[in-house]
Amino acid sequence: MARERFSRPAAVHVTAKVHEDVPNLRTREVARKVAIALWLGARREDFRLVHFSIQSNHLHLIVEASDWRALSRGVHALSVRVARAINRATERKGKVFAQRYHAHILRTPTQVRNALRYVLNNRRRHQGQRQAHLGWVDPLSTACWFDGYRDREPNEANPWPTARTFLLTTGWRRGRGGRFSVNDIPGKRR
């Protein structure tokens, strides 16, 4: 299916899944290399990585892109960096990502709010019976720098690219539910 095209700056939730034979992305060395690769590819004039979450077999990204071409080029560049980093860290060769990335253009304050909640608190969703303690934030995400939790202040100034679109800067706070809890489990009723 063809990707939706857009011609003005937009916030986008991107999901990229890795092949089954790729080792767990959350192991210390692999996660460190992935985070470095994301950092190195986070800033372009027409594309920026604002938030991310590294899961065992996929990545969640919240990005801003000036148009659909910038999104395609930016995600491709990030994917190449991340794939090379994973292959180096695991001493493997070959394709890393299982398929094309999934991109969901975020158009409303509520969509952006829900995407932020989903990405930043995603590890709680994958923990299953071993729920993290109250107040825990995923160290393999940008959650520790997020300033939108209602019950937690950021650790320090956010070193990741600053959002520029209205929806990602302040608009999302107008979405249904407003600020959310660090303890929320995405996909469950609050």
N, C-alpha and C. Protein backbone atom coordinates (compact mmCIF):
# COMPACT_ATOMS: atom_id res chain seq x y z
N MET A 1 0.83 -1.17 0.00
CA MET A 1 0.00 0.00 0.00
C MET A 1 0.89 1.25 0.00
N ALA A 2 0.51 2.22 -0.79
CA ALA A 2 1.29 3.45 -0.87
C ALA A 2 1.15 4.26 0.41
N ARG A 3 2.23 4.91 0.78
CA ARG A 3 2.20 5.76 1.97
C ARG A 3 1.43 7.04 1.67
N GLU A 4 0.81 7.54 2.70
CA GLU A 4 0.09 8.80 2.58
C GLU A 4 1.09 9.94 2.38
N ARG A 5 0.78 10.82 1.47
CA ARG A 5 1.66 11.96 1.21
C ARG A 5 1.14 13.19 1.94
N PHE A 6 2.07 14.03 2.36
CA PHE A 6 1.71 15.29 3.01
C PHE A 6 2.73 16.33 2.59
N SER A 7 2.31 17.60 2.59
CA SER A 7 3.17 18.65 2.05
C SER A 7 3.50 19.75 3.03
N ARG A 8 3.10 19.61 4.28
CA ARG A 8 3.47 20.61 5.30
C ARG A 8 4.01 19.88 6.52
N PRO A 9 4.76 20.56 7.37
CA PRO A 9 5.36 19.89 8.53
C PRO A 9 4.32 19.11 9.34
N ALA A 10 4.73 17.89 9.71
CA ALA A 10 3.81 17.01 10.43
C ALA A 10 4.56 16.19 11.47
N ALA A 11 3.81 15.80 12.49
CA ALA A 11 4.31 14.85 13.49
C ALA A 11 3.88 13.46 13.03
N VAL A 12 4.78 12.48 13.16
CA VAL A 12 4.52 11.14 12.66
C VAL A 12 5.00 10.11 13.67
N HIS A 13 4.18 9.10 13.92
CA HIS A 13 4.58 7.96 14.75
C HIS A 13 5.06 6.88 13.79
N VAL A 14 6.32 6.49 13.93
CA VAL A 14 6.94 5.49 13.05
C VAL A 14 7.26 4.25 13.88
N THR A 15 6.94 3.08 13.33
CA THR A 15 7.30 1.81 13.96
C THR A 15 8.12 1.01 12.96
N ALA A 16 9.27 0.50 13.41
CA ALA A 16 10.15 -0.30 12.56
C ALA A 16 10.48 -1.60 13.27
N LYS A 17 10.10 -2.71 12.67
CA LYS A 17 10.29 -4.04 13.26
C LYS A 17 11.53 -4.70 12.65
N VAL A 18 12.29 -5.44 13.48
CA VAL A 18 13.48 -6.12 12.98
C VAL A 18 13.17 -7.58 12.66
N HIS A 19 14.04 -8.20 11.87
CA HIS A 19 13.91 -9.62 11.53
C HIS A 19 13.97 -10.48 12.79
N GLU A 20 13.38 -11.66 12.72
CA GLU A 20 13.36 -12.58 13.87
C GLU A 20 14.75 -13.02 14.30
N ASP A 21 15.72 -13.07 13.37
CA ASP A 21 17.06 -13.53 13.73
C ASP A 21 17.95 -12.43 14.32
N VAL A 22 17.42 -11.22 14.42
CA VAL A 22 18.19 -10.12 15.03
C VAL A 22 18.08 -10.27 16.55
N PRO A 23 19.20 -10.24 17.25
CA PRO A 23 19.16 -10.38 18.72
C PRO A 23 18.35 -9.26 19.38
N ASN A 24 17.99 -9.47 20.61
CA ASN A 24 17.21 -8.54 21.41
C ASN A 24 17.85 -7.14 21.39
N LEU A 25 17.08 -6.16 20.97
CA LEU A 25 17.59 -4.79 20.88
C LEU A 25 17.81 -4.16 22.25
N ARG A 26 17.26 -4.76 23.30
CA ARG A 26 17.36 -4.17 24.64
C ARG A 26 18.56 -4.70 25.43
N THR A 27 19.38 -5.54 24.83
CA THR A 27 20.60 -5.94 25.52
C THR A 27 21.51 -4.71 25.60
N ARG A 28 22.33 -4.66 26.62
CA ARG A 28 23.11 -3.45 26.91
C ARG A 28 23.89 -2.92 25.72
N GLU A 29 24.70 -3.75 25.10
CA GLU A 29 25.56 -3.28 24.02
C GLU A 29 24.76 -2.89 22.78
N VAL A 30 23.78 -3.70 22.42
CA VAL A 30 22.97 -3.40 21.24
C VAL A 30 22.19 -2.10 21.47
N ALA A 31 21.54 -1.98 22.61
CA ALA A 31 20.74 -0.78 22.90
C ALA A 31 21.61 0.47 22.89
N ARG A 32 22.81 0.38 23.42
CA ARG A 32 23.72 1.52 23.42
C ARG A 32 24.07 1.95 22.00
N LYS A 33 24.37 0.97 21.16
CA LYS A 33 24.71 1.28 19.76
C LYS A 33 23.50 1.84 19.00
N VAL A 34 22.32 1.29 19.27
CA VAL A 34 21.10 1.80 18.62
C VAL A 34 20.85 3.24 19.05
N ALA A 35 20.97 3.53 20.34
CA ALA A 35 20.75 4.89 20.83
C ALA A 35 21.73 5.87 20.21
N ILE A 36 22.98 5.47 20.07
CA ILE A 36 23.99 6.34 19.44
C ILE A 36 23.62 6.59 17.98
N ALA A 37 23.22 5.53 17.28
CA ALA A 37 22.83 5.68 15.88
C ALA A 37 21.63 6.61 15.74
N LEU A 38 20.65 6.47 16.64
CA LEU A 38 19.49 7.36 16.62
C LEU A 38 19.93 8.80 16.87
N TRP A 39 20.82 8.98 17.84
CA TRP A 39 21.32 10.32 18.16
C TRP A 39 22.00 10.96 16.95
N LEU A 40 22.84 10.19 16.27
CA LEU A 40 23.59 10.73 15.13
C LEU A 40 22.68 11.08 13.95
N GLY A 41 21.54 10.41 13.85
CA GLY A 41 20.63 10.68 12.74
C GLY A 41 19.40 11.50 13.12
N ALA A 42 19.39 12.04 14.33
CA ALA A 42 18.18 12.70 14.84
C ALA A 42 17.93 14.09 14.26
N ARG A 43 18.95 14.74 13.73
CA ARG A 43 18.80 16.13 13.31
C ARG A 43 19.12 16.31 11.84
N ARG A 44 18.12 16.73 11.13
CA ARG A 44 18.29 17.15 9.74
C ARG A 44 17.47 18.43 9.60
N GLU A 45 17.71 19.16 8.59
CA GLU A 45 16.95 20.41 8.41
C GLU A 45 15.46 20.14 8.23
N ASP A 46 15.12 19.08 7.53
CA ASP A 46 13.72 18.80 7.20
C ASP A 46 13.13 17.61 7.98
N PHE A 47 13.88 17.07 8.93
CA PHE A 47 13.46 15.87 9.67
C PHE A 47 14.14 15.87 11.02
N ARG A 48 13.39 15.54 12.07
CA ARG A 48 14.01 15.42 13.40
C ARG A 48 13.31 14.32 14.17
N LEU A 49 14.13 13.59 14.92
CA LEU A 49 13.65 12.55 15.81
C LEU A 49 13.43 13.20 17.17
N VAL A 50 12.19 13.26 17.63
CA VAL A 50 11.86 13.96 18.86
C VAL A 50 11.79 13.00 20.05
N HIS A 51 11.21 11.81 19.85
CA HIS A 51 11.12 10.81 20.92
C HIS A 51 11.31 9.42 20.32
N PHE A 52 11.80 8.49 21.15
CA PHE A 52 11.94 7.11 20.71
C PHE A 52 11.78 6.16 21.88
N SER A 53 11.56 4.91 21.54
CA SER A 53 11.52 3.82 22.51
C SER A 53 12.09 2.58 21.83
N ILE A 54 13.10 1.98 22.46
CA ILE A 54 13.71 0.76 21.92
C ILE A 54 13.04 -0.43 22.63
N GLN A 55 12.41 -1.30 21.87
CA GLN A 55 11.81 -2.52 22.41
C GLN A 55 12.65 -3.71 21.95
N SER A 56 12.33 -4.89 22.38
CA SER A 56 13.17 -6.04 22.08
C SER A 56 13.28 -6.34 20.59
N ASN A 57 12.19 -6.13 19.84
CA ASN A 57 12.23 -6.47 18.41
C ASN A 57 11.69 -5.36 17.51
N HIS A 58 11.55 -4.17 18.03
CA HIS A 58 11.09 -3.05 17.21
C HIS A 58 11.44 -1.71 17.87
N LEU A 59 11.33 -0.67 17.06
CA LEU A 59 11.57 0.69 17.52
C LEU A 59 10.29 1.50 17.32
N HIS A 60 10.00 2.37 18.27
CA HIS A 60 8.94 3.36 18.11
C HIS A 60 9.61 4.71 18.06
N LEU A 61 9.22 5.52 17.08
CA LEU A 61 9.80 6.85 16.92
C LEU A 61 8.68 7.87 16.77
N ILE A 62 8.86 9.02 17.37
CA ILE A 62 8.00 10.17 17.10
C ILE A 62 8.91 11.16 16.39
N VAL A 63 8.57 11.46 15.14
CA VAL A 63 9.41 12.34 14.33
C VAL A 63 8.59 13.50 13.79
N GLU A 64 9.30 14.51 13.36
CA GLU A 64 8.70 15.61 12.61
C GLU A 64 9.39 15.64 11.25
N ALA A 65 8.58 15.83 10.22
CA ALA A 65 9.12 15.92 8.87
C ALA A 65 8.42 17.05 8.13
N SER A 66 9.17 17.73 7.27
CA SER A 66 8.59 18.87 6.56
C SER A 66 7.61 18.44 5.47
N ASP A 67 7.77 17.23 4.95
CA ASP A 67 6.82 16.67 3.98
C ASP A 67 7.09 15.17 3.86
N TRP A 68 6.35 14.50 2.99
CA TRP A 68 6.47 13.04 2.89
C TRP A 68 7.83 12.60 2.37
N ARG A 69 8.44 13.41 1.52
CA ARG A 69 9.77 13.06 1.02
C ARG A 69 10.81 13.12 2.14
N ALA A 70 10.72 14.16 2.96
CA ALA A 70 11.64 14.31 4.09
C ALA A 70 11.46 13.16 5.07
N LEU A 71 10.21 12.74 5.29
CA LEU A 71 9.95 11.59 6.16
C LEU A 71 10.62 10.34 5.60
N SER A 72 10.43 10.08 4.33
CA SER A 72 11.01 8.90 3.70
C SER A 72 12.53 8.91 3.77
N ARG A 73 13.14 10.05 3.42
CA ARG A 73 14.60 10.15 3.46
C ARG A 73 15.13 10.05 4.89
N GLY A 74 14.46 10.73 5.83
CA GLY A 74 14.90 10.72 7.21
C GLY A 74 14.82 9.35 7.85
N VAL A 75 13.71 8.65 7.64
CA VAL A 75 13.56 7.31 8.22
C VAL A 75 14.53 6.34 7.55
N HIS A 76 14.73 6.49 6.26
CA HIS A 76 15.69 5.62 5.56
C HIS A 76 17.10 5.82 6.12
N ALA A 77 17.50 7.09 6.29
CA ALA A 77 18.84 7.37 6.83
C ALA A 77 18.99 6.81 8.24
N LEU A 78 17.96 6.98 9.08
CA LEU A 78 18.00 6.42 10.43
C LEU A 78 18.10 4.90 10.38
N SER A 79 17.31 4.28 9.51
CA SER A 79 17.29 2.81 9.40
C SER A 79 18.66 2.27 9.01
N VAL A 80 19.32 2.94 8.08
CA VAL A 80 20.65 2.51 7.66
C VAL A 80 21.63 2.61 8.83
N ARG A 81 21.61 3.73 9.53
CA ARG A 81 22.50 3.91 10.69
C ARG A 81 22.25 2.84 11.75
N VAL A 82 20.99 2.63 12.07
CA VAL A 82 20.63 1.67 13.11
C VAL A 82 21.00 0.25 12.68
N ALA A 83 20.72 -0.10 11.44
CA ALA A 83 21.05 -1.45 10.94
C ALA A 83 22.56 -1.71 11.01
N ARG A 84 23.34 -0.74 10.58
CA ARG A 84 24.80 -0.91 10.66
C ARG A 84 25.26 -1.06 12.10
N ALA A 85 24.68 -0.26 12.99
CA ALA A 85 25.05 -0.33 14.41
C ALA A 85 24.70 -1.69 15.00
N ILE A 86 23.53 -2.20 14.68
CA ILE A 86 23.10 -3.51 15.19
C ILE A 86 24.00 -4.60 14.64
N ASN A 87 24.28 -4.56 13.35
CA ASN A 87 25.14 -5.59 12.76
C ASN A 87 26.55 -5.56 13.35
N ARG A 88 27.08 -4.37 13.61
CA ARG A 88 28.40 -4.28 14.25
C ARG A 88 28.36 -4.82 15.67
N ALA A 89 27.34 -4.43 16.42
CA ALA A 89 27.24 -4.84 17.83
C ALA A 89 27.03 -6.34 17.99
N THR A 90 26.37 -6.96 17.02
CA THR A 90 26.04 -8.39 17.13
C THR A 90 26.91 -9.27 16.23
N GLU A 91 27.84 -8.62 15.52
CA GLU A 91 28.74 -9.34 14.61
C GLU A 91 27.97 -10.20 13.62
N ARG A 92 26.96 -9.59 13.05
CA ARG A 92 26.15 -10.29 12.05
C ARG A 92 26.18 -9.49 10.76
N LYS A 93 25.68 -10.08 9.70
CA LYS A 93 25.57 -9.42 8.41
C LYS A 93 24.15 -9.60 7.91
N GLY A 94 23.78 -8.76 7.00
CA GLY A 94 22.48 -8.93 6.37
C GLY A 94 21.46 -7.91 6.80
N LYS A 95 20.29 -8.10 6.26
CA LYS A 95 19.18 -7.19 6.48
C LYS A 95 18.75 -7.23 7.94
N VAL A 96 18.45 -6.08 8.48
CA VAL A 96 18.04 -5.96 9.89
C VAL A 96 16.53 -5.76 10.00
N PHE A 97 15.98 -4.84 9.24
CA PHE A 97 14.57 -4.53 9.36
C PHE A 97 13.72 -5.49 8.52
N ALA A 98 12.67 -5.99 9.14
CA ALA A 98 11.85 -7.05 8.56
C ALA A 98 11.00 -6.58 7.39
N GLN A 99 10.61 -5.35 7.41
CA GLN A 99 9.70 -4.86 6.39
C GLN A 99 9.80 -3.35 6.33
N ARG A 100 8.97 -2.78 5.50
CA ARG A 100 8.92 -1.32 5.47
C ARG A 100 8.41 -0.82 6.81
N TYR A 101 8.85 0.34 7.17
CA TYR A 101 8.38 0.92 8.42
C TYR A 101 6.90 1.30 8.29
N HIS A 102 6.24 1.36 9.42
CA HIS A 102 4.85 1.82 9.46
C HIS A 102 4.85 3.26 9.93
N ALA A 103 4.14 4.13 9.23
CA ALA A 103 4.08 5.54 9.60
C ALA A 103 2.63 5.97 9.76
N HIS A 104 2.34 6.60 10.88
CA HIS A 104 1.01 7.13 11.15
C HIS A 104 1.13 8.63 11.35
N ILE A 105 0.56 9.39 10.44
CA ILE A 105 0.59 10.85 10.54
C ILE A 105 -0.37 11.27 11.66
N LEU A 106 0.13 12.08 12.57
CA LEU A 106 -0.66 12.52 13.72
C LEU A 106 -1.27 13.88 13.41
N ARG A 107 -2.60 13.94 13.41
CA ARG A 107 -3.28 15.14 12.94
C ARG A 107 -3.99 15.94 14.02
N THR A 108 -4.30 15.32 15.14
CA THR A 108 -5.06 16.02 16.17
C THR A 108 -4.31 16.01 17.50
N PRO A 109 -4.64 16.92 18.40
CA PRO A 109 -4.00 16.91 19.71
C PRO A 109 -4.16 15.56 20.43
N THR A 110 -5.32 14.95 20.33
CA THR A 110 -5.55 13.67 21.00
C THR A 110 -4.70 12.57 20.38
N GLN A 111 -4.55 12.55 19.07
CA GLN A 111 -3.69 11.54 18.43
C GLN A 111 -2.24 11.69 18.88
N VAL A 112 -1.76 12.92 18.96
CA VAL A 112 -0.38 13.15 19.38
C VAL A 112 -0.20 12.76 20.84
N ARG A 113 -1.14 13.15 21.68
CA ARG A 113 -1.08 12.79 23.10
C ARG A 113 -1.04 11.28 23.28
N ASN A 114 -1.90 10.57 22.56
CA ASN A 114 -1.94 9.11 22.67
C ASN A 114 -0.67 8.47 22.12
N ALA A 115 -0.12 9.03 21.05
CA ALA A 115 1.13 8.49 20.49
C ALA A 115 2.29 8.70 21.46
N LEU A 116 2.36 9.87 22.08
CA LEU A 116 3.41 10.12 23.08
C LEU A 116 3.28 9.15 24.24
N ARG A 117 2.08 8.99 24.73
CA ARG A 117 1.83 8.06 25.85
C ARG A 117 2.23 6.63 25.45
N TYR A 118 1.88 6.25 24.23
CA TYR A 118 2.17 4.90 23.75
C TYR A 118 3.68 4.68 23.61
N VAL A 119 4.38 5.62 23.02
CA VAL A 119 5.81 5.46 22.78
C VAL A 119 6.61 5.54 24.08
N LEU A 120 6.36 6.56 24.88
CA LEU A 120 7.17 6.77 26.08
C LEU A 120 6.90 5.75 27.18
N ASN A 121 5.70 5.24 27.26
CA ASN A 121 5.36 4.25 28.28
C ASN A 121 5.25 2.84 27.70
N ASN A 122 5.77 2.64 26.51
CA ASN A 122 5.59 1.37 25.81
C ASN A 122 6.17 0.17 26.55
N ARG A 123 7.25 0.35 27.26
CA ARG A 123 7.85 -0.79 27.97
C ARG A 123 6.90 -1.36 29.02
N ARG A 124 6.10 -0.51 29.63
CA ARG A 124 5.12 -1.00 30.60
C ARG A 124 4.13 -1.94 29.92
N ARG A 125 3.82 -1.69 28.68
CA ARG A 125 2.90 -2.55 27.92
C ARG A 125 3.53 -3.92 27.68
N HIS A 126 4.83 -3.96 27.46
CA HIS A 126 5.52 -5.21 27.14
C HIS A 126 6.03 -5.96 28.36
N GLN A 127 5.89 -5.40 29.53
CA GLN A 127 6.42 -6.03 30.75
C GLN A 127 5.60 -7.24 31.18
N GLY A 128 4.33 -7.31 30.79
CA GLY A 128 3.51 -8.45 31.19
C GLY A 128 3.29 -8.49 32.68
N GLN A 129 3.53 -9.63 33.29
CA GLN A 129 3.32 -9.80 34.73
C GLN A 129 4.37 -9.06 35.56
N ARG A 130 5.52 -8.79 34.98
CA ARG A 130 6.61 -8.14 35.73
C ARG A 130 6.53 -6.63 35.56
N GLN A 131 5.49 -6.03 36.09
CA GLN A 131 5.32 -4.59 35.94
C GLN A 131 6.42 -3.82 36.68
N ALA A 132 6.86 -2.77 36.05
CA ALA A 132 7.87 -1.91 36.65
C ALA A 132 7.26 -1.19 37.85
N HIS A 133 8.11 -0.79 38.78
CA HIS A 133 7.63 -0.10 39.97
C HIS A 133 7.08 1.28 39.59
N LEU A 134 6.27 1.83 40.46
CA LEU A 134 5.68 3.14 40.23
C LEU A 134 6.77 4.19 40.05
N GLY A 135 6.58 5.04 39.07
CA GLY A 135 7.52 6.12 38.82
C GLY A 135 8.68 5.75 37.90
N TRP A 136 8.79 4.46 37.56
CA TRP A 136 9.89 4.01 36.70
C TRP A 136 9.70 4.55 35.29
N VAL A 137 10.80 4.99 34.67
CA VAL A 137 10.77 5.37 33.26
C VAL A 137 11.76 4.49 32.52
N ASP A 138 11.43 4.18 31.30
CA ASP A 138 12.27 3.30 30.48
C ASP A 138 13.57 4.01 30.12
N PRO A 139 14.71 3.47 30.53
CA PRO A 139 15.98 4.11 30.20
C PRO A 139 16.34 4.00 28.72
N LEU A 140 15.63 3.14 27.99
CA LEU A 140 15.90 2.98 26.56
C LEU A 140 14.86 3.74 25.74
N SER A 141 14.54 4.92 26.23
CA SER A 141 13.59 5.81 25.56
C SER A 141 13.95 7.24 25.95
N THR A 142 13.19 8.17 25.42
CA THR A 142 13.40 9.58 25.79
C THR A 142 12.49 9.99 26.94
N ALA A 143 11.88 9.03 27.61
CA ALA A 143 10.92 9.33 28.69
C ALA A 143 11.52 10.15 29.82
N CYS A 144 12.79 9.93 30.14
CA CYS A 144 13.37 10.65 31.28
C CYS A 144 13.50 12.15 31.01
N TRP A 145 13.44 12.57 29.76
CA TRP A 145 13.53 13.99 29.42
C TRP A 145 12.17 14.61 29.10
N PHE A 146 11.13 13.80 29.10
CA PHE A 146 9.80 14.28 28.72
C PHE A 146 9.24 15.20 29.80
N ASP A 147 8.77 16.36 29.38
CA ASP A 147 8.26 17.33 30.35
C ASP A 147 6.74 17.36 30.43
N GLY A 148 6.08 16.34 29.92
CA GLY A 148 4.63 16.34 29.89
C GLY A 148 3.96 15.37 30.85
N TYR A 149 4.74 14.66 31.67
CA TYR A 149 4.11 13.79 32.67
C TYR A 149 3.47 14.64 33.74
N ARG A 150 2.31 14.23 34.22
CA ARG A 150 1.65 15.00 35.28
C ARG A 150 2.21 14.68 36.65
N ASP A 151 2.95 13.56 36.78
CA ASP A 151 3.44 13.13 38.09
C ASP A 151 4.95 12.91 38.13
N ARG A 152 5.67 13.51 37.18
CA ARG A 152 7.13 13.37 37.17
C ARG A 152 7.75 14.51 36.40
N GLU A 153 8.79 15.07 36.96
CA GLU A 153 9.55 16.13 36.28
C GLU A 153 10.69 15.49 35.48
N PRO A 154 11.11 16.12 34.39
CA PRO A 154 12.23 15.56 33.62
C PRO A 154 13.52 15.58 34.45
N ASN A 155 14.43 14.64 34.15
CA ASN A 155 15.70 14.57 34.86
C ASN A 155 16.55 15.80 34.66
N GLU A 156 16.56 16.30 33.46
CA GLU A 156 17.43 17.42 33.09
C GLU A 156 16.93 17.98 31.78
N ALA A 157 17.64 18.96 31.25
CA ALA A 157 17.26 19.52 29.96
C ALA A 157 17.35 18.44 28.87
N ASN A 158 16.39 18.44 27.99
CA ASN A 158 16.31 17.44 26.94
C ASN A 158 17.39 17.67 25.88
N PRO A 159 18.29 16.70 25.68
CA PRO A 159 19.35 16.87 24.68
C PRO A 159 18.89 16.52 23.25
N TRP A 160 17.72 15.93 23.11
CA TRP A 160 17.22 15.53 21.80
C TRP A 160 16.64 16.74 21.08
N PRO A 161 16.49 16.65 19.78
CA PRO A 161 15.95 17.78 19.03
C PRO A 161 14.61 18.26 19.59
N THR A 162 14.45 19.55 19.63
CA THR A 162 13.22 20.15 20.13
C THR A 162 12.16 20.13 19.05
N ALA A 163 10.96 19.76 19.44
CA ALA A 163 9.84 19.75 18.49
C ALA A 163 9.56 21.17 18.02
N ARG A 164 9.09 21.28 16.80
CA ARG A 164 8.74 22.59 16.23
C ARG A 164 7.26 22.69 15.88
N THR A 165 6.62 21.57 15.60
CA THR A 165 5.21 21.63 15.21
C THR A 165 4.36 21.93 16.43
N PHE A 166 3.29 22.66 16.21
CA PHE A 166 2.38 23.02 17.30
C PHE A 166 1.88 21.78 18.04
N LEU A 167 1.50 20.75 17.32
CA LEU A 167 0.94 19.56 17.96
C LEU A 167 1.92 18.89 18.91
N LEU A 168 3.21 18.90 18.60
CA LEU A 168 4.19 18.25 19.47
C LEU A 168 4.75 19.18 20.55
N THR A 169 4.63 20.49 20.37
CA THR A 169 5.13 21.40 21.39
C THR A 169 4.10 21.59 22.50
N THR A 170 2.94 22.10 22.15
CA THR A 170 1.92 22.37 23.17
C THR A 170 0.55 21.83 22.81
N GLY A 171 0.27 21.64 21.56
CA GLY A 171 -1.06 21.23 21.12
C GLY A 171 -1.53 19.92 21.74
N TRP A 172 -0.62 18.96 21.92
CA TRP A 172 -1.01 17.65 22.44
C TRP A 172 -1.63 17.75 23.83
N ARG A 173 -1.26 18.78 24.60
CA ARG A 173 -1.79 18.95 25.96
C ARG A 173 -3.28 19.28 25.94
N ARG A 174 -3.77 19.70 24.79
CA ARG A 174 -5.19 19.99 24.63
C ARG A 174 -5.99 18.75 24.25
N GLY A 175 -5.27 17.67 23.97
CA GLY A 175 -5.94 16.42 23.60
C GLY A 175 -6.71 15.83 24.77
N ARG A 176 -7.65 14.97 24.47
CA ARG A 176 -8.47 14.34 25.50
C ARG A 176 -7.58 13.64 26.52
N GLY A 177 -7.67 14.03 27.76
CA GLY A 177 -6.86 13.45 28.81
C GLY A 177 -5.70 14.32 29.23
N GLY A 178 -5.25 15.22 28.34
CA GLY A 178 -4.14 16.12 28.67
C GLY A 178 -2.88 15.38 29.08
N ARG A 179 -2.19 15.94 30.05
CA ARG A 179 -0.96 15.30 30.53
C ARG A 179 -1.30 13.92 31.07
N PHE A 180 -0.35 13.00 30.98
CA PHE A 180 -0.61 11.63 31.41
C PHE A 180 0.41 11.20 32.45
N SER A 181 0.16 10.06 33.05
CA SER A 181 1.00 9.57 34.13
C SER A 181 2.16 8.73 33.61
N VAL A 182 3.27 8.81 34.29
CA VAL A 182 4.41 7.96 33.99
C VAL A 182 4.06 6.49 34.22
N ASN A 183 3.02 6.22 35.00
CA ASN A 183 2.62 4.85 35.34
C ASN A 183 1.56 4.28 34.41
N ASP A 184 1.07 5.06 33.46
CA ASP A 184 0.05 4.56 32.54
C ASP A 184 0.58 3.41 31.71
N ILE A 185 -0.27 2.43 31.46
CA ILE A 185 0.06 1.33 30.56
C ILE A 185 -0.70 1.58 29.27
N PRO A 186 0.00 1.85 28.18
CA PRO A 186 -0.67 2.15 26.91
C PRO A 186 -1.60 1.00 26.50
N GLY A 187 -2.75 1.37 25.98
CA GLY A 187 -3.69 0.36 25.52
C GLY A 187 -4.68 -0.07 26.60
N LYS A 188 -4.44 0.33 27.84
CA LYS A 188 -5.36 0.00 28.93
C LYS A 188 -6.13 1.25 29.32
N ARG A 189 -7.31 1.03 29.81
CA ARG A 189 -8.12 2.16 30.29
C ARG A 189 -7.47 2.78 31.52
N ARG A 190 -7.56 4.10 31.59
CA ARG A 190 -6.92 4.82 32.71
C ARG A 190 -7.75 4.73 33.95
